[in-house]
N, C-alpha and C. Protein backbone atom coordinates (compact mmCIF):
# COMPACT_ATOMS: atom_id res chain seq x y z
N MET A 1 0.81 -1.20 0.00
CA MET A 1 0.00 0.00 0.00
C MET A 1 0.86 1.26 0.00
N LYS A 2 2.01 1.21 0.70
CA LYS A 2 2.91 2.36 0.74
C LYS A 2 3.45 2.68 -0.65
N ILE A 3 3.72 1.66 -1.43
CA ILE A 3 4.25 1.87 -2.78
C ILE A 3 3.21 2.57 -3.64
N VAL A 4 1.97 2.17 -3.53
CA VAL A 4 0.89 2.79 -4.30
C VAL A 4 0.76 4.27 -3.93
N LYS A 5 0.83 4.56 -2.63
CA LYS A 5 0.75 5.96 -2.18
C LYS A 5 1.92 6.77 -2.71
N LYS A 6 3.11 6.18 -2.73
CA LYS A 6 4.30 6.89 -3.26
C LYS A 6 4.14 7.16 -4.76
N ILE A 7 3.65 6.18 -5.48
CA ILE A 7 3.45 6.34 -6.93
C ILE A 7 2.44 7.46 -7.19
N ILE A 8 1.35 7.46 -6.43
CA ILE A 8 0.33 8.51 -6.59
C ILE A 8 0.91 9.87 -6.23
N ALA A 9 1.70 9.95 -5.15
CA ALA A 9 2.32 11.21 -4.73
C ALA A 9 3.28 11.73 -5.80
N VAL A 10 4.08 10.85 -6.38
CA VAL A 10 5.02 11.26 -7.43
C VAL A 10 4.24 11.73 -8.66
N PHE A 11 3.20 11.01 -9.02
CA PHE A 11 2.37 11.38 -10.16
C PHE A 11 1.74 12.76 -9.96
N LEU A 12 1.17 13.01 -8.77
CA LEU A 12 0.56 14.30 -8.47
C LEU A 12 1.60 15.42 -8.44
N ALA A 13 2.77 15.12 -7.90
CA ALA A 13 3.85 16.12 -7.88
C ALA A 13 4.27 16.49 -9.30
N LEU A 14 4.33 15.50 -10.17
CA LEU A 14 4.68 15.75 -11.57
C LEU A 14 3.64 16.63 -12.25
N ILE A 15 2.39 16.36 -12.00
CA ILE A 15 1.31 17.17 -12.58
C ILE A 15 1.40 18.61 -12.07
N VAL A 16 1.61 18.77 -10.79
CA VAL A 16 1.73 20.12 -10.21
C VAL A 16 2.93 20.84 -10.82
N LEU A 17 4.05 20.14 -10.95
CA LEU A 17 5.25 20.73 -11.56
C LEU A 17 4.97 21.20 -12.98
N LEU A 18 4.32 20.37 -13.78
CA LEU A 18 3.99 20.75 -15.16
C LEU A 18 3.06 21.96 -15.20
N LEU A 19 2.10 22.01 -14.30
CA LEU A 19 1.19 23.15 -14.25
C LEU A 19 1.92 24.44 -13.86
N VAL A 20 2.88 24.33 -12.96
CA VAL A 20 3.68 25.50 -12.58
C VAL A 20 4.55 25.95 -13.74
N VAL A 21 5.19 25.00 -14.42
CA VAL A 21 6.02 25.34 -15.59
C VAL A 21 5.17 26.04 -16.64
N ALA A 22 3.96 25.56 -16.86
CA ALA A 22 3.07 26.16 -17.87
C ALA A 22 2.75 27.61 -17.57
N LEU A 23 2.82 28.00 -16.29
CA LEU A 23 2.58 29.40 -15.92
C LEU A 23 3.61 30.34 -16.55
N PHE A 24 4.80 29.82 -16.83
CA PHE A 24 5.89 30.64 -17.33
C PHE A 24 6.12 30.52 -18.84
N ILE A 25 5.32 29.73 -19.49
CA ILE A 25 5.44 29.56 -20.95
C ILE A 25 4.44 30.50 -21.61
N PRO A 26 4.92 31.30 -22.58
CA PRO A 26 4.00 32.25 -23.24
C PRO A 26 2.83 31.53 -23.91
N LYS A 27 1.70 32.19 -23.93
CA LYS A 27 0.51 31.64 -24.59
C LYS A 27 0.57 31.87 -26.09
N ASP A 28 1.24 32.93 -26.51
CA ASP A 28 1.41 33.23 -27.93
C ASP A 28 2.83 32.87 -28.34
N TYR A 29 2.96 32.31 -29.52
CA TYR A 29 4.29 31.93 -30.01
C TYR A 29 4.38 32.12 -31.51
N THR A 30 5.61 32.27 -31.99
CA THR A 30 5.89 32.42 -33.41
C THR A 30 6.97 31.43 -33.79
N VAL A 31 6.74 30.73 -34.89
CA VAL A 31 7.76 29.86 -35.46
C VAL A 31 8.18 30.52 -36.76
N SER A 32 9.48 30.76 -36.92
CA SER A 32 10.00 31.44 -38.11
C SER A 32 11.14 30.62 -38.70
N VAL A 33 11.03 30.32 -39.99
CA VAL A 33 12.03 29.53 -40.70
C VAL A 33 12.33 30.23 -42.02
N SER A 34 13.61 30.30 -42.39
CA SER A 34 14.01 30.98 -43.63
C SER A 34 14.97 30.13 -44.44
N THR A 35 15.01 30.43 -45.73
CA THR A 35 16.00 29.85 -46.63
C THR A 35 16.26 30.85 -47.74
N THR A 36 17.37 30.67 -48.44
CA THR A 36 17.67 31.51 -49.60
C THR A 36 17.53 30.66 -50.85
N ILE A 37 16.78 31.18 -51.79
CA ILE A 37 16.52 30.48 -53.06
C ILE A 37 17.24 31.24 -54.17
N ASN A 38 17.93 30.50 -55.01
CA ASN A 38 18.64 31.09 -56.14
C ASN A 38 17.68 31.33 -57.30
N ALA A 39 16.88 32.37 -57.14
CA ALA A 39 15.91 32.78 -58.16
C ALA A 39 15.51 34.22 -57.83
N PRO A 40 15.11 34.98 -58.84
CA PRO A 40 14.70 36.37 -58.60
C PRO A 40 13.45 36.46 -57.71
N LYS A 41 13.36 37.54 -56.96
CA LYS A 41 12.26 37.75 -56.03
C LYS A 41 10.90 37.63 -56.71
N GLY A 42 10.74 38.23 -57.87
CA GLY A 42 9.46 38.19 -58.58
C GLY A 42 9.01 36.77 -58.88
N LYS A 43 9.93 35.96 -59.36
CA LYS A 43 9.61 34.56 -59.68
C LYS A 43 9.20 33.80 -58.41
N VAL A 44 9.93 34.01 -57.33
CA VAL A 44 9.65 33.32 -56.08
C VAL A 44 8.28 33.74 -55.54
N PHE A 45 8.04 35.05 -55.49
CA PHE A 45 6.78 35.52 -54.92
C PHE A 45 5.59 35.11 -55.77
N ASP A 46 5.74 35.18 -57.09
CA ASP A 46 4.64 34.77 -57.97
C ASP A 46 4.27 33.30 -57.75
N TYR A 47 5.23 32.50 -57.32
CA TYR A 47 4.97 31.08 -57.06
C TYR A 47 4.34 30.87 -55.68
N VAL A 48 4.91 31.51 -54.63
CA VAL A 48 4.42 31.23 -53.28
C VAL A 48 3.08 31.89 -52.99
N LYS A 49 2.72 32.93 -53.71
CA LYS A 49 1.44 33.57 -53.43
C LYS A 49 0.25 32.74 -53.92
N LEU A 50 0.52 31.76 -54.76
CA LEU A 50 -0.54 30.86 -55.24
C LEU A 50 -0.65 29.67 -54.29
N ILE A 51 -1.71 29.65 -53.53
CA ILE A 51 -1.91 28.61 -52.51
C ILE A 51 -1.96 27.21 -53.14
N LYS A 52 -2.50 27.11 -54.34
CA LYS A 52 -2.58 25.80 -54.99
C LYS A 52 -1.20 25.19 -55.21
N ASN A 53 -0.16 26.02 -55.33
CA ASN A 53 1.20 25.49 -55.52
C ASN A 53 1.69 24.73 -54.30
N GLN A 54 1.07 24.92 -53.15
CA GLN A 54 1.48 24.19 -51.95
C GLN A 54 1.31 22.68 -52.11
N GLU A 55 0.46 22.28 -53.04
CA GLU A 55 0.29 20.85 -53.30
C GLU A 55 1.60 20.22 -53.76
N LYS A 56 2.52 21.04 -54.28
CA LYS A 56 3.80 20.53 -54.81
C LYS A 56 4.92 20.57 -53.79
N TYR A 57 4.76 21.33 -52.69
CA TYR A 57 5.86 21.44 -51.73
C TYR A 57 5.48 21.34 -50.26
N SER A 58 4.22 21.37 -49.91
CA SER A 58 3.81 21.31 -48.51
C SER A 58 3.79 19.87 -48.01
N VAL A 59 4.54 19.61 -46.95
CA VAL A 59 4.58 18.25 -46.41
C VAL A 59 3.22 17.81 -45.90
N TRP A 60 2.40 18.76 -45.45
CA TRP A 60 1.08 18.40 -44.93
C TRP A 60 0.17 17.93 -46.06
N VAL A 61 0.17 18.64 -47.17
CA VAL A 61 -0.68 18.25 -48.29
C VAL A 61 -0.16 16.96 -48.92
N MET A 62 1.16 16.86 -49.06
CA MET A 62 1.75 15.69 -49.72
C MET A 62 1.67 14.43 -48.87
N GLN A 63 1.40 14.57 -47.57
CA GLN A 63 1.34 13.41 -46.68
C GLN A 63 0.20 12.47 -47.05
N ASP A 64 -0.88 13.03 -47.60
CA ASP A 64 -2.03 12.20 -47.98
C ASP A 64 -2.36 12.46 -49.44
N PRO A 65 -1.96 11.56 -50.34
CA PRO A 65 -2.25 11.76 -51.77
C PRO A 65 -3.74 11.78 -52.09
N ASN A 66 -4.58 11.32 -51.15
CA ASN A 66 -6.02 11.29 -51.37
C ASN A 66 -6.75 12.42 -50.65
N VAL A 67 -6.01 13.41 -50.16
CA VAL A 67 -6.64 14.52 -49.45
C VAL A 67 -7.62 15.23 -50.39
N GLY A 68 -8.79 15.53 -49.86
CA GLY A 68 -9.78 16.26 -50.65
C GLY A 68 -9.52 17.76 -50.55
N MET A 69 -9.31 18.41 -51.67
CA MET A 69 -9.04 19.85 -51.70
C MET A 69 -10.21 20.56 -52.35
N ASN A 70 -10.54 21.73 -51.81
CA ASN A 70 -11.60 22.56 -52.37
C ASN A 70 -11.10 24.00 -52.38
N TYR A 71 -11.35 24.70 -53.49
CA TYR A 71 -10.86 26.06 -53.63
C TYR A 71 -12.02 27.00 -53.93
N GLU A 72 -11.94 28.21 -53.33
CA GLU A 72 -12.96 29.23 -53.56
C GLU A 72 -12.26 30.55 -53.86
N GLY A 73 -12.64 31.20 -54.94
CA GLY A 73 -12.08 32.50 -55.27
C GLY A 73 -10.94 32.40 -56.27
N THR A 74 -10.22 33.52 -56.40
CA THR A 74 -9.10 33.61 -57.34
C THR A 74 -7.80 33.46 -56.57
N ASP A 75 -7.05 32.41 -56.89
CA ASP A 75 -5.79 32.14 -56.20
C ASP A 75 -4.84 33.33 -56.32
N GLY A 76 -4.14 33.61 -55.25
CA GLY A 76 -3.17 34.70 -55.25
C GLY A 76 -3.79 36.06 -54.94
N THR A 77 -5.08 36.07 -54.55
CA THR A 77 -5.75 37.32 -54.21
C THR A 77 -6.40 37.21 -52.83
N VAL A 78 -6.61 38.36 -52.20
CA VAL A 78 -7.25 38.39 -50.88
C VAL A 78 -8.62 37.73 -50.98
N GLY A 79 -8.91 36.86 -50.02
CA GLY A 79 -10.18 36.17 -49.98
C GLY A 79 -10.14 34.76 -50.52
N PHE A 80 -9.08 34.42 -51.30
CA PHE A 80 -8.99 33.06 -51.81
C PHE A 80 -8.92 32.09 -50.63
N LYS A 81 -9.69 31.00 -50.73
CA LYS A 81 -9.77 30.03 -49.65
C LYS A 81 -9.50 28.62 -50.17
N ALA A 82 -8.60 27.94 -49.50
CA ALA A 82 -8.30 26.54 -49.80
C ALA A 82 -8.70 25.72 -48.59
N SER A 83 -9.54 24.71 -48.80
CA SER A 83 -9.98 23.83 -47.72
C SER A 83 -9.47 22.42 -48.01
N TRP A 84 -9.17 21.69 -46.95
CA TRP A 84 -8.72 20.32 -47.11
C TRP A 84 -9.48 19.43 -46.15
N ASN A 85 -9.59 18.15 -46.55
CA ASN A 85 -10.22 17.15 -45.69
C ASN A 85 -9.54 15.82 -45.98
N SER A 86 -8.96 15.24 -44.94
CA SER A 86 -8.22 14.00 -45.08
C SER A 86 -8.69 13.00 -44.03
N LYS A 87 -8.70 11.74 -44.40
CA LYS A 87 -9.00 10.69 -43.43
C LYS A 87 -7.81 10.48 -42.48
N ASP A 88 -6.63 10.94 -42.89
CA ASP A 88 -5.41 10.86 -42.08
C ASP A 88 -5.43 11.99 -41.06
N ASP A 89 -5.50 11.67 -39.77
CA ASP A 89 -5.58 12.71 -38.75
C ASP A 89 -4.31 13.54 -38.64
N ASN A 90 -3.22 13.08 -39.23
CA ASN A 90 -2.01 13.93 -39.27
C ASN A 90 -2.20 15.10 -40.23
N VAL A 91 -3.11 14.96 -41.17
CA VAL A 91 -3.44 16.03 -42.11
C VAL A 91 -4.72 16.73 -41.65
N GLY A 92 -5.72 15.94 -41.27
CA GLY A 92 -6.94 16.48 -40.69
C GLY A 92 -7.84 17.21 -41.66
N GLU A 93 -8.55 18.18 -41.10
CA GLU A 93 -9.50 18.98 -41.88
C GLU A 93 -9.35 20.43 -41.47
N GLY A 94 -9.43 21.31 -42.45
CA GLY A 94 -9.33 22.74 -42.14
C GLY A 94 -9.31 23.58 -43.39
N SER A 95 -8.93 24.83 -43.22
CA SER A 95 -8.86 25.74 -44.37
C SER A 95 -7.84 26.84 -44.09
N GLN A 96 -7.41 27.44 -45.18
CA GLN A 96 -6.59 28.65 -45.09
C GLN A 96 -7.13 29.66 -46.09
N GLN A 97 -7.12 30.92 -45.68
CA GLN A 97 -7.67 31.97 -46.52
C GLN A 97 -6.68 33.14 -46.55
N ILE A 98 -6.44 33.65 -47.76
CA ILE A 98 -5.54 34.79 -47.89
C ILE A 98 -6.21 36.01 -47.26
N ALA A 99 -5.55 36.57 -46.24
CA ALA A 99 -6.08 37.71 -45.51
C ALA A 99 -5.50 39.03 -46.01
N LYS A 100 -4.24 39.00 -46.46
CA LYS A 100 -3.58 40.22 -46.91
C LYS A 100 -2.44 39.82 -47.84
N ILE A 101 -2.21 40.66 -48.84
CA ILE A 101 -1.12 40.39 -49.76
C ILE A 101 -0.51 41.72 -50.19
N THR A 102 0.83 41.76 -50.18
CA THR A 102 1.56 42.94 -50.66
C THR A 102 2.58 42.45 -51.68
N ASP A 103 3.52 43.31 -52.06
CA ASP A 103 4.53 42.93 -53.05
C ASP A 103 5.54 41.91 -52.53
N ASP A 104 5.61 41.77 -51.21
CA ASP A 104 6.63 40.87 -50.67
C ASP A 104 6.14 40.03 -49.48
N ARG A 105 4.83 40.00 -49.29
CA ARG A 105 4.29 39.26 -48.14
C ARG A 105 2.87 38.78 -48.43
N ILE A 106 2.59 37.56 -47.95
CA ILE A 106 1.23 37.02 -48.02
C ILE A 106 0.87 36.51 -46.63
N ASP A 107 -0.27 36.97 -46.11
CA ASP A 107 -0.76 36.55 -44.80
C ASP A 107 -1.99 35.68 -45.00
N VAL A 108 -2.05 34.58 -44.23
CA VAL A 108 -3.21 33.70 -44.31
C VAL A 108 -3.76 33.44 -42.92
N ASP A 109 -5.09 33.27 -42.88
CA ASP A 109 -5.78 32.86 -41.66
C ASP A 109 -6.02 31.36 -41.78
N LEU A 110 -5.69 30.63 -40.74
CA LEU A 110 -5.85 29.19 -40.73
C LEU A 110 -6.97 28.80 -39.77
N HIS A 111 -7.78 27.86 -40.22
CA HIS A 111 -8.86 27.33 -39.38
C HIS A 111 -8.74 25.81 -39.40
N PHE A 112 -8.55 25.24 -38.22
CA PHE A 112 -8.41 23.80 -38.10
C PHE A 112 -9.69 23.22 -37.50
N VAL A 113 -10.18 22.15 -38.13
CA VAL A 113 -11.39 21.48 -37.66
C VAL A 113 -11.02 20.19 -36.93
N ARG A 114 -10.12 19.44 -37.54
CA ARG A 114 -9.74 18.13 -37.04
C ARG A 114 -8.28 17.89 -37.34
N PRO A 115 -7.48 17.30 -36.48
CA PRO A 115 -7.85 16.55 -35.30
C PRO A 115 -8.17 17.43 -34.08
N MET A 116 -7.75 18.69 -34.09
CA MET A 116 -8.11 19.60 -32.99
C MET A 116 -8.60 20.90 -33.61
N GLU A 117 -9.66 21.43 -33.05
CA GLU A 117 -10.21 22.68 -33.55
C GLU A 117 -9.33 23.84 -33.08
N GLY A 118 -9.13 24.81 -33.98
CA GLY A 118 -8.32 25.96 -33.59
C GLY A 118 -8.16 26.95 -34.72
N GLU A 119 -7.60 28.08 -34.36
CA GLU A 119 -7.33 29.17 -35.31
C GLU A 119 -5.86 29.55 -35.19
N ALA A 120 -5.27 29.97 -36.28
CA ALA A 120 -3.89 30.45 -36.27
C ALA A 120 -3.71 31.37 -37.47
N LYS A 121 -2.55 31.95 -37.55
CA LYS A 121 -2.20 32.80 -38.68
C LYS A 121 -0.82 32.39 -39.16
N ALA A 122 -0.55 32.67 -40.43
CA ALA A 122 0.76 32.38 -40.99
C ALA A 122 1.09 33.45 -42.02
N ALA A 123 2.36 33.59 -42.31
CA ALA A 123 2.79 34.56 -43.31
C ALA A 123 4.02 34.03 -44.04
N THR A 124 4.15 34.43 -45.28
CA THR A 124 5.34 34.14 -46.07
C THR A 124 5.87 35.48 -46.56
N PHE A 125 7.16 35.72 -46.32
CA PHE A 125 7.83 36.95 -46.75
C PHE A 125 8.88 36.59 -47.79
N VAL A 126 9.06 37.46 -48.77
CA VAL A 126 10.17 37.30 -49.71
C VAL A 126 10.97 38.60 -49.71
N GLU A 127 12.29 38.45 -49.77
CA GLU A 127 13.19 39.60 -49.73
C GLU A 127 14.34 39.34 -50.70
N ALA A 128 14.57 40.28 -51.61
CA ALA A 128 15.67 40.14 -52.56
C ALA A 128 16.99 40.24 -51.81
N VAL A 129 17.84 39.24 -52.00
CA VAL A 129 19.19 39.26 -51.43
C VAL A 129 20.13 39.85 -52.48
N SER A 130 19.88 39.47 -53.73
CA SER A 130 20.59 40.00 -54.89
C SER A 130 19.63 39.85 -56.07
N GLY A 131 20.10 40.16 -57.26
CA GLY A 131 19.24 40.05 -58.43
C GLY A 131 18.72 38.66 -58.69
N ASN A 132 19.48 37.66 -58.25
CA ASN A 132 19.08 36.28 -58.53
C ASN A 132 19.00 35.43 -57.25
N GLN A 133 18.87 36.09 -56.11
CA GLN A 133 18.72 35.35 -54.85
C GLN A 133 17.62 36.00 -54.03
N THR A 134 16.79 35.15 -53.43
CA THR A 134 15.66 35.62 -52.63
C THR A 134 15.61 34.87 -51.31
N LYS A 135 15.48 35.63 -50.24
CA LYS A 135 15.29 35.03 -48.92
C LYS A 135 13.79 34.85 -48.72
N VAL A 136 13.38 33.63 -48.40
CA VAL A 136 11.99 33.32 -48.13
C VAL A 136 11.88 32.95 -46.65
N THR A 137 10.92 33.58 -45.97
CA THR A 137 10.68 33.29 -44.56
C THR A 137 9.22 32.89 -44.39
N ASN A 138 9.02 31.74 -43.74
CA ASN A 138 7.67 31.30 -43.36
C ASN A 138 7.53 31.52 -41.86
N GLU A 139 6.42 32.15 -41.47
CA GLU A 139 6.14 32.32 -40.06
C GLU A 139 4.76 31.76 -39.74
N PHE A 140 4.68 31.15 -38.58
CA PHE A 140 3.43 30.60 -38.07
C PHE A 140 3.20 31.24 -36.72
N TYR A 141 1.99 31.79 -36.51
CA TYR A 141 1.66 32.47 -35.26
C TYR A 141 0.59 31.66 -34.54
N GLY A 142 0.95 31.11 -33.40
CA GLY A 142 0.02 30.26 -32.67
C GLY A 142 -0.33 30.82 -31.31
N HIS A 143 -1.38 30.27 -30.74
CA HIS A 143 -1.83 30.65 -29.40
C HIS A 143 -2.37 29.40 -28.71
N SER A 144 -1.97 29.22 -27.47
CA SER A 144 -2.48 28.11 -26.66
C SER A 144 -2.77 28.64 -25.27
N ASP A 145 -4.00 28.46 -24.82
CA ASP A 145 -4.37 28.88 -23.48
C ASP A 145 -3.73 27.97 -22.43
N TYR A 146 -3.58 28.50 -21.21
CA TYR A 146 -3.08 27.73 -20.09
C TYR A 146 -4.07 26.63 -19.76
N PRO A 147 -3.67 25.43 -19.49
CA PRO A 147 -2.33 24.89 -19.39
C PRO A 147 -1.83 24.23 -20.69
N MET A 148 -2.65 24.33 -21.74
CA MET A 148 -2.27 23.70 -23.01
C MET A 148 -1.06 24.38 -23.64
N ASN A 149 -0.69 25.57 -23.16
CA ASN A 149 0.49 26.25 -23.68
C ASN A 149 1.75 25.41 -23.44
N LEU A 150 1.69 24.51 -22.49
CA LEU A 150 2.81 23.60 -22.25
C LEU A 150 3.07 22.74 -23.49
N MET A 151 2.02 22.38 -24.20
CA MET A 151 2.14 21.56 -25.41
C MET A 151 2.73 22.33 -26.57
N SER A 152 2.73 23.67 -26.49
CA SER A 152 3.27 24.47 -27.59
C SER A 152 4.76 24.20 -27.78
N LEU A 153 5.45 23.75 -26.74
CA LEU A 153 6.87 23.41 -26.88
C LEU A 153 7.05 22.29 -27.90
N ILE A 154 6.19 21.29 -27.83
CA ILE A 154 6.24 20.18 -28.78
C ILE A 154 5.73 20.65 -30.15
N GLY A 155 4.64 21.41 -30.13
CA GLY A 155 4.06 21.91 -31.38
C GLY A 155 5.02 22.78 -32.17
N LYS A 156 5.78 23.61 -31.49
CA LYS A 156 6.75 24.48 -32.18
C LYS A 156 7.81 23.65 -32.91
N LYS A 157 8.27 22.58 -32.29
CA LYS A 157 9.27 21.71 -32.92
C LYS A 157 8.68 21.04 -34.16
N PHE A 158 7.46 20.54 -34.03
CA PHE A 158 6.77 19.89 -35.14
C PHE A 158 6.60 20.86 -36.31
N ILE A 159 6.16 22.09 -36.01
CA ILE A 159 5.93 23.10 -37.05
C ILE A 159 7.26 23.52 -37.68
N THR A 160 8.29 23.71 -36.87
CA THR A 160 9.61 24.09 -37.39
C THR A 160 10.12 23.04 -38.36
N ASP A 161 10.03 21.77 -37.99
CA ASP A 161 10.50 20.69 -38.87
C ASP A 161 9.73 20.68 -40.19
N ALA A 162 8.42 20.83 -40.12
CA ALA A 162 7.59 20.82 -41.33
C ALA A 162 7.90 22.03 -42.21
N GLN A 163 8.00 23.20 -41.61
CA GLN A 163 8.28 24.42 -42.40
C GLN A 163 9.67 24.34 -43.03
N THR A 164 10.63 23.79 -42.32
CA THR A 164 11.98 23.63 -42.88
C THR A 164 11.94 22.72 -44.11
N GLN A 165 11.19 21.63 -44.03
CA GLN A 165 11.06 20.72 -45.18
C GLN A 165 10.28 21.39 -46.31
N ASN A 166 9.24 22.15 -45.98
CA ASN A 166 8.49 22.88 -47.02
C ASN A 166 9.41 23.80 -47.80
N LEU A 167 10.26 24.54 -47.09
CA LEU A 167 11.17 25.47 -47.77
C LEU A 167 12.23 24.72 -48.58
N ALA A 168 12.68 23.58 -48.11
CA ALA A 168 13.63 22.77 -48.89
C ALA A 168 12.96 22.28 -50.18
N ASN A 169 11.70 21.85 -50.07
CA ASN A 169 10.96 21.41 -51.26
C ASN A 169 10.74 22.58 -52.22
N LEU A 170 10.39 23.74 -51.69
CA LEU A 170 10.19 24.93 -52.51
C LEU A 170 11.48 25.32 -53.22
N LYS A 171 12.57 25.30 -52.51
CA LYS A 171 13.88 25.64 -53.08
C LYS A 171 14.21 24.72 -54.26
N LYS A 172 13.98 23.42 -54.07
CA LYS A 172 14.26 22.45 -55.13
C LYS A 172 13.43 22.76 -56.38
N ILE A 173 12.16 23.09 -56.20
CA ILE A 173 11.27 23.39 -57.32
C ILE A 173 11.71 24.64 -58.05
N LEU A 174 11.98 25.71 -57.31
CA LEU A 174 12.27 27.00 -57.93
C LEU A 174 13.68 27.12 -58.48
N GLU A 175 14.58 26.26 -58.06
CA GLU A 175 15.95 26.32 -58.57
C GLU A 175 16.18 25.39 -59.76
N LYS A 176 15.12 24.73 -60.24
CA LYS A 176 15.26 23.85 -61.42
C LYS A 176 15.54 24.68 -62.65
């Protein structure tokens, strides 16, 4: 019986420790990943502003070849909406909509339905490094309420890895 009480005490202490740690973890977070592509800024931006092109370089879309995609509006313009629905919970169900677009930035609003419901924002920036080199930065802006903000530590790593691979795939496509 003493062993059971000790196990329960350790388990409760661990939960309390995690809840205290979560008090010090920000609720809002940003994941930012960049790469340099050997192509002119105009060519790069004209490609990344088209959401449909993500089918060729996004690890999330490419993870399920049978993902159902639906598009509304004119791609590359404010208001364009891409929705996805996959039986694979790693891909899930949701949508992204272009919220703002300038000469060097595209902002999207993300809505997740499954596997977890939520909202987020993301942006892609392009910056000319030289006439034939462009720095591309993907940013993801997330929010997690307490105590779920503790999970953002894992989520940030997952998003960073995926965004890094997305940019590697994009680089390969645009440098052909």
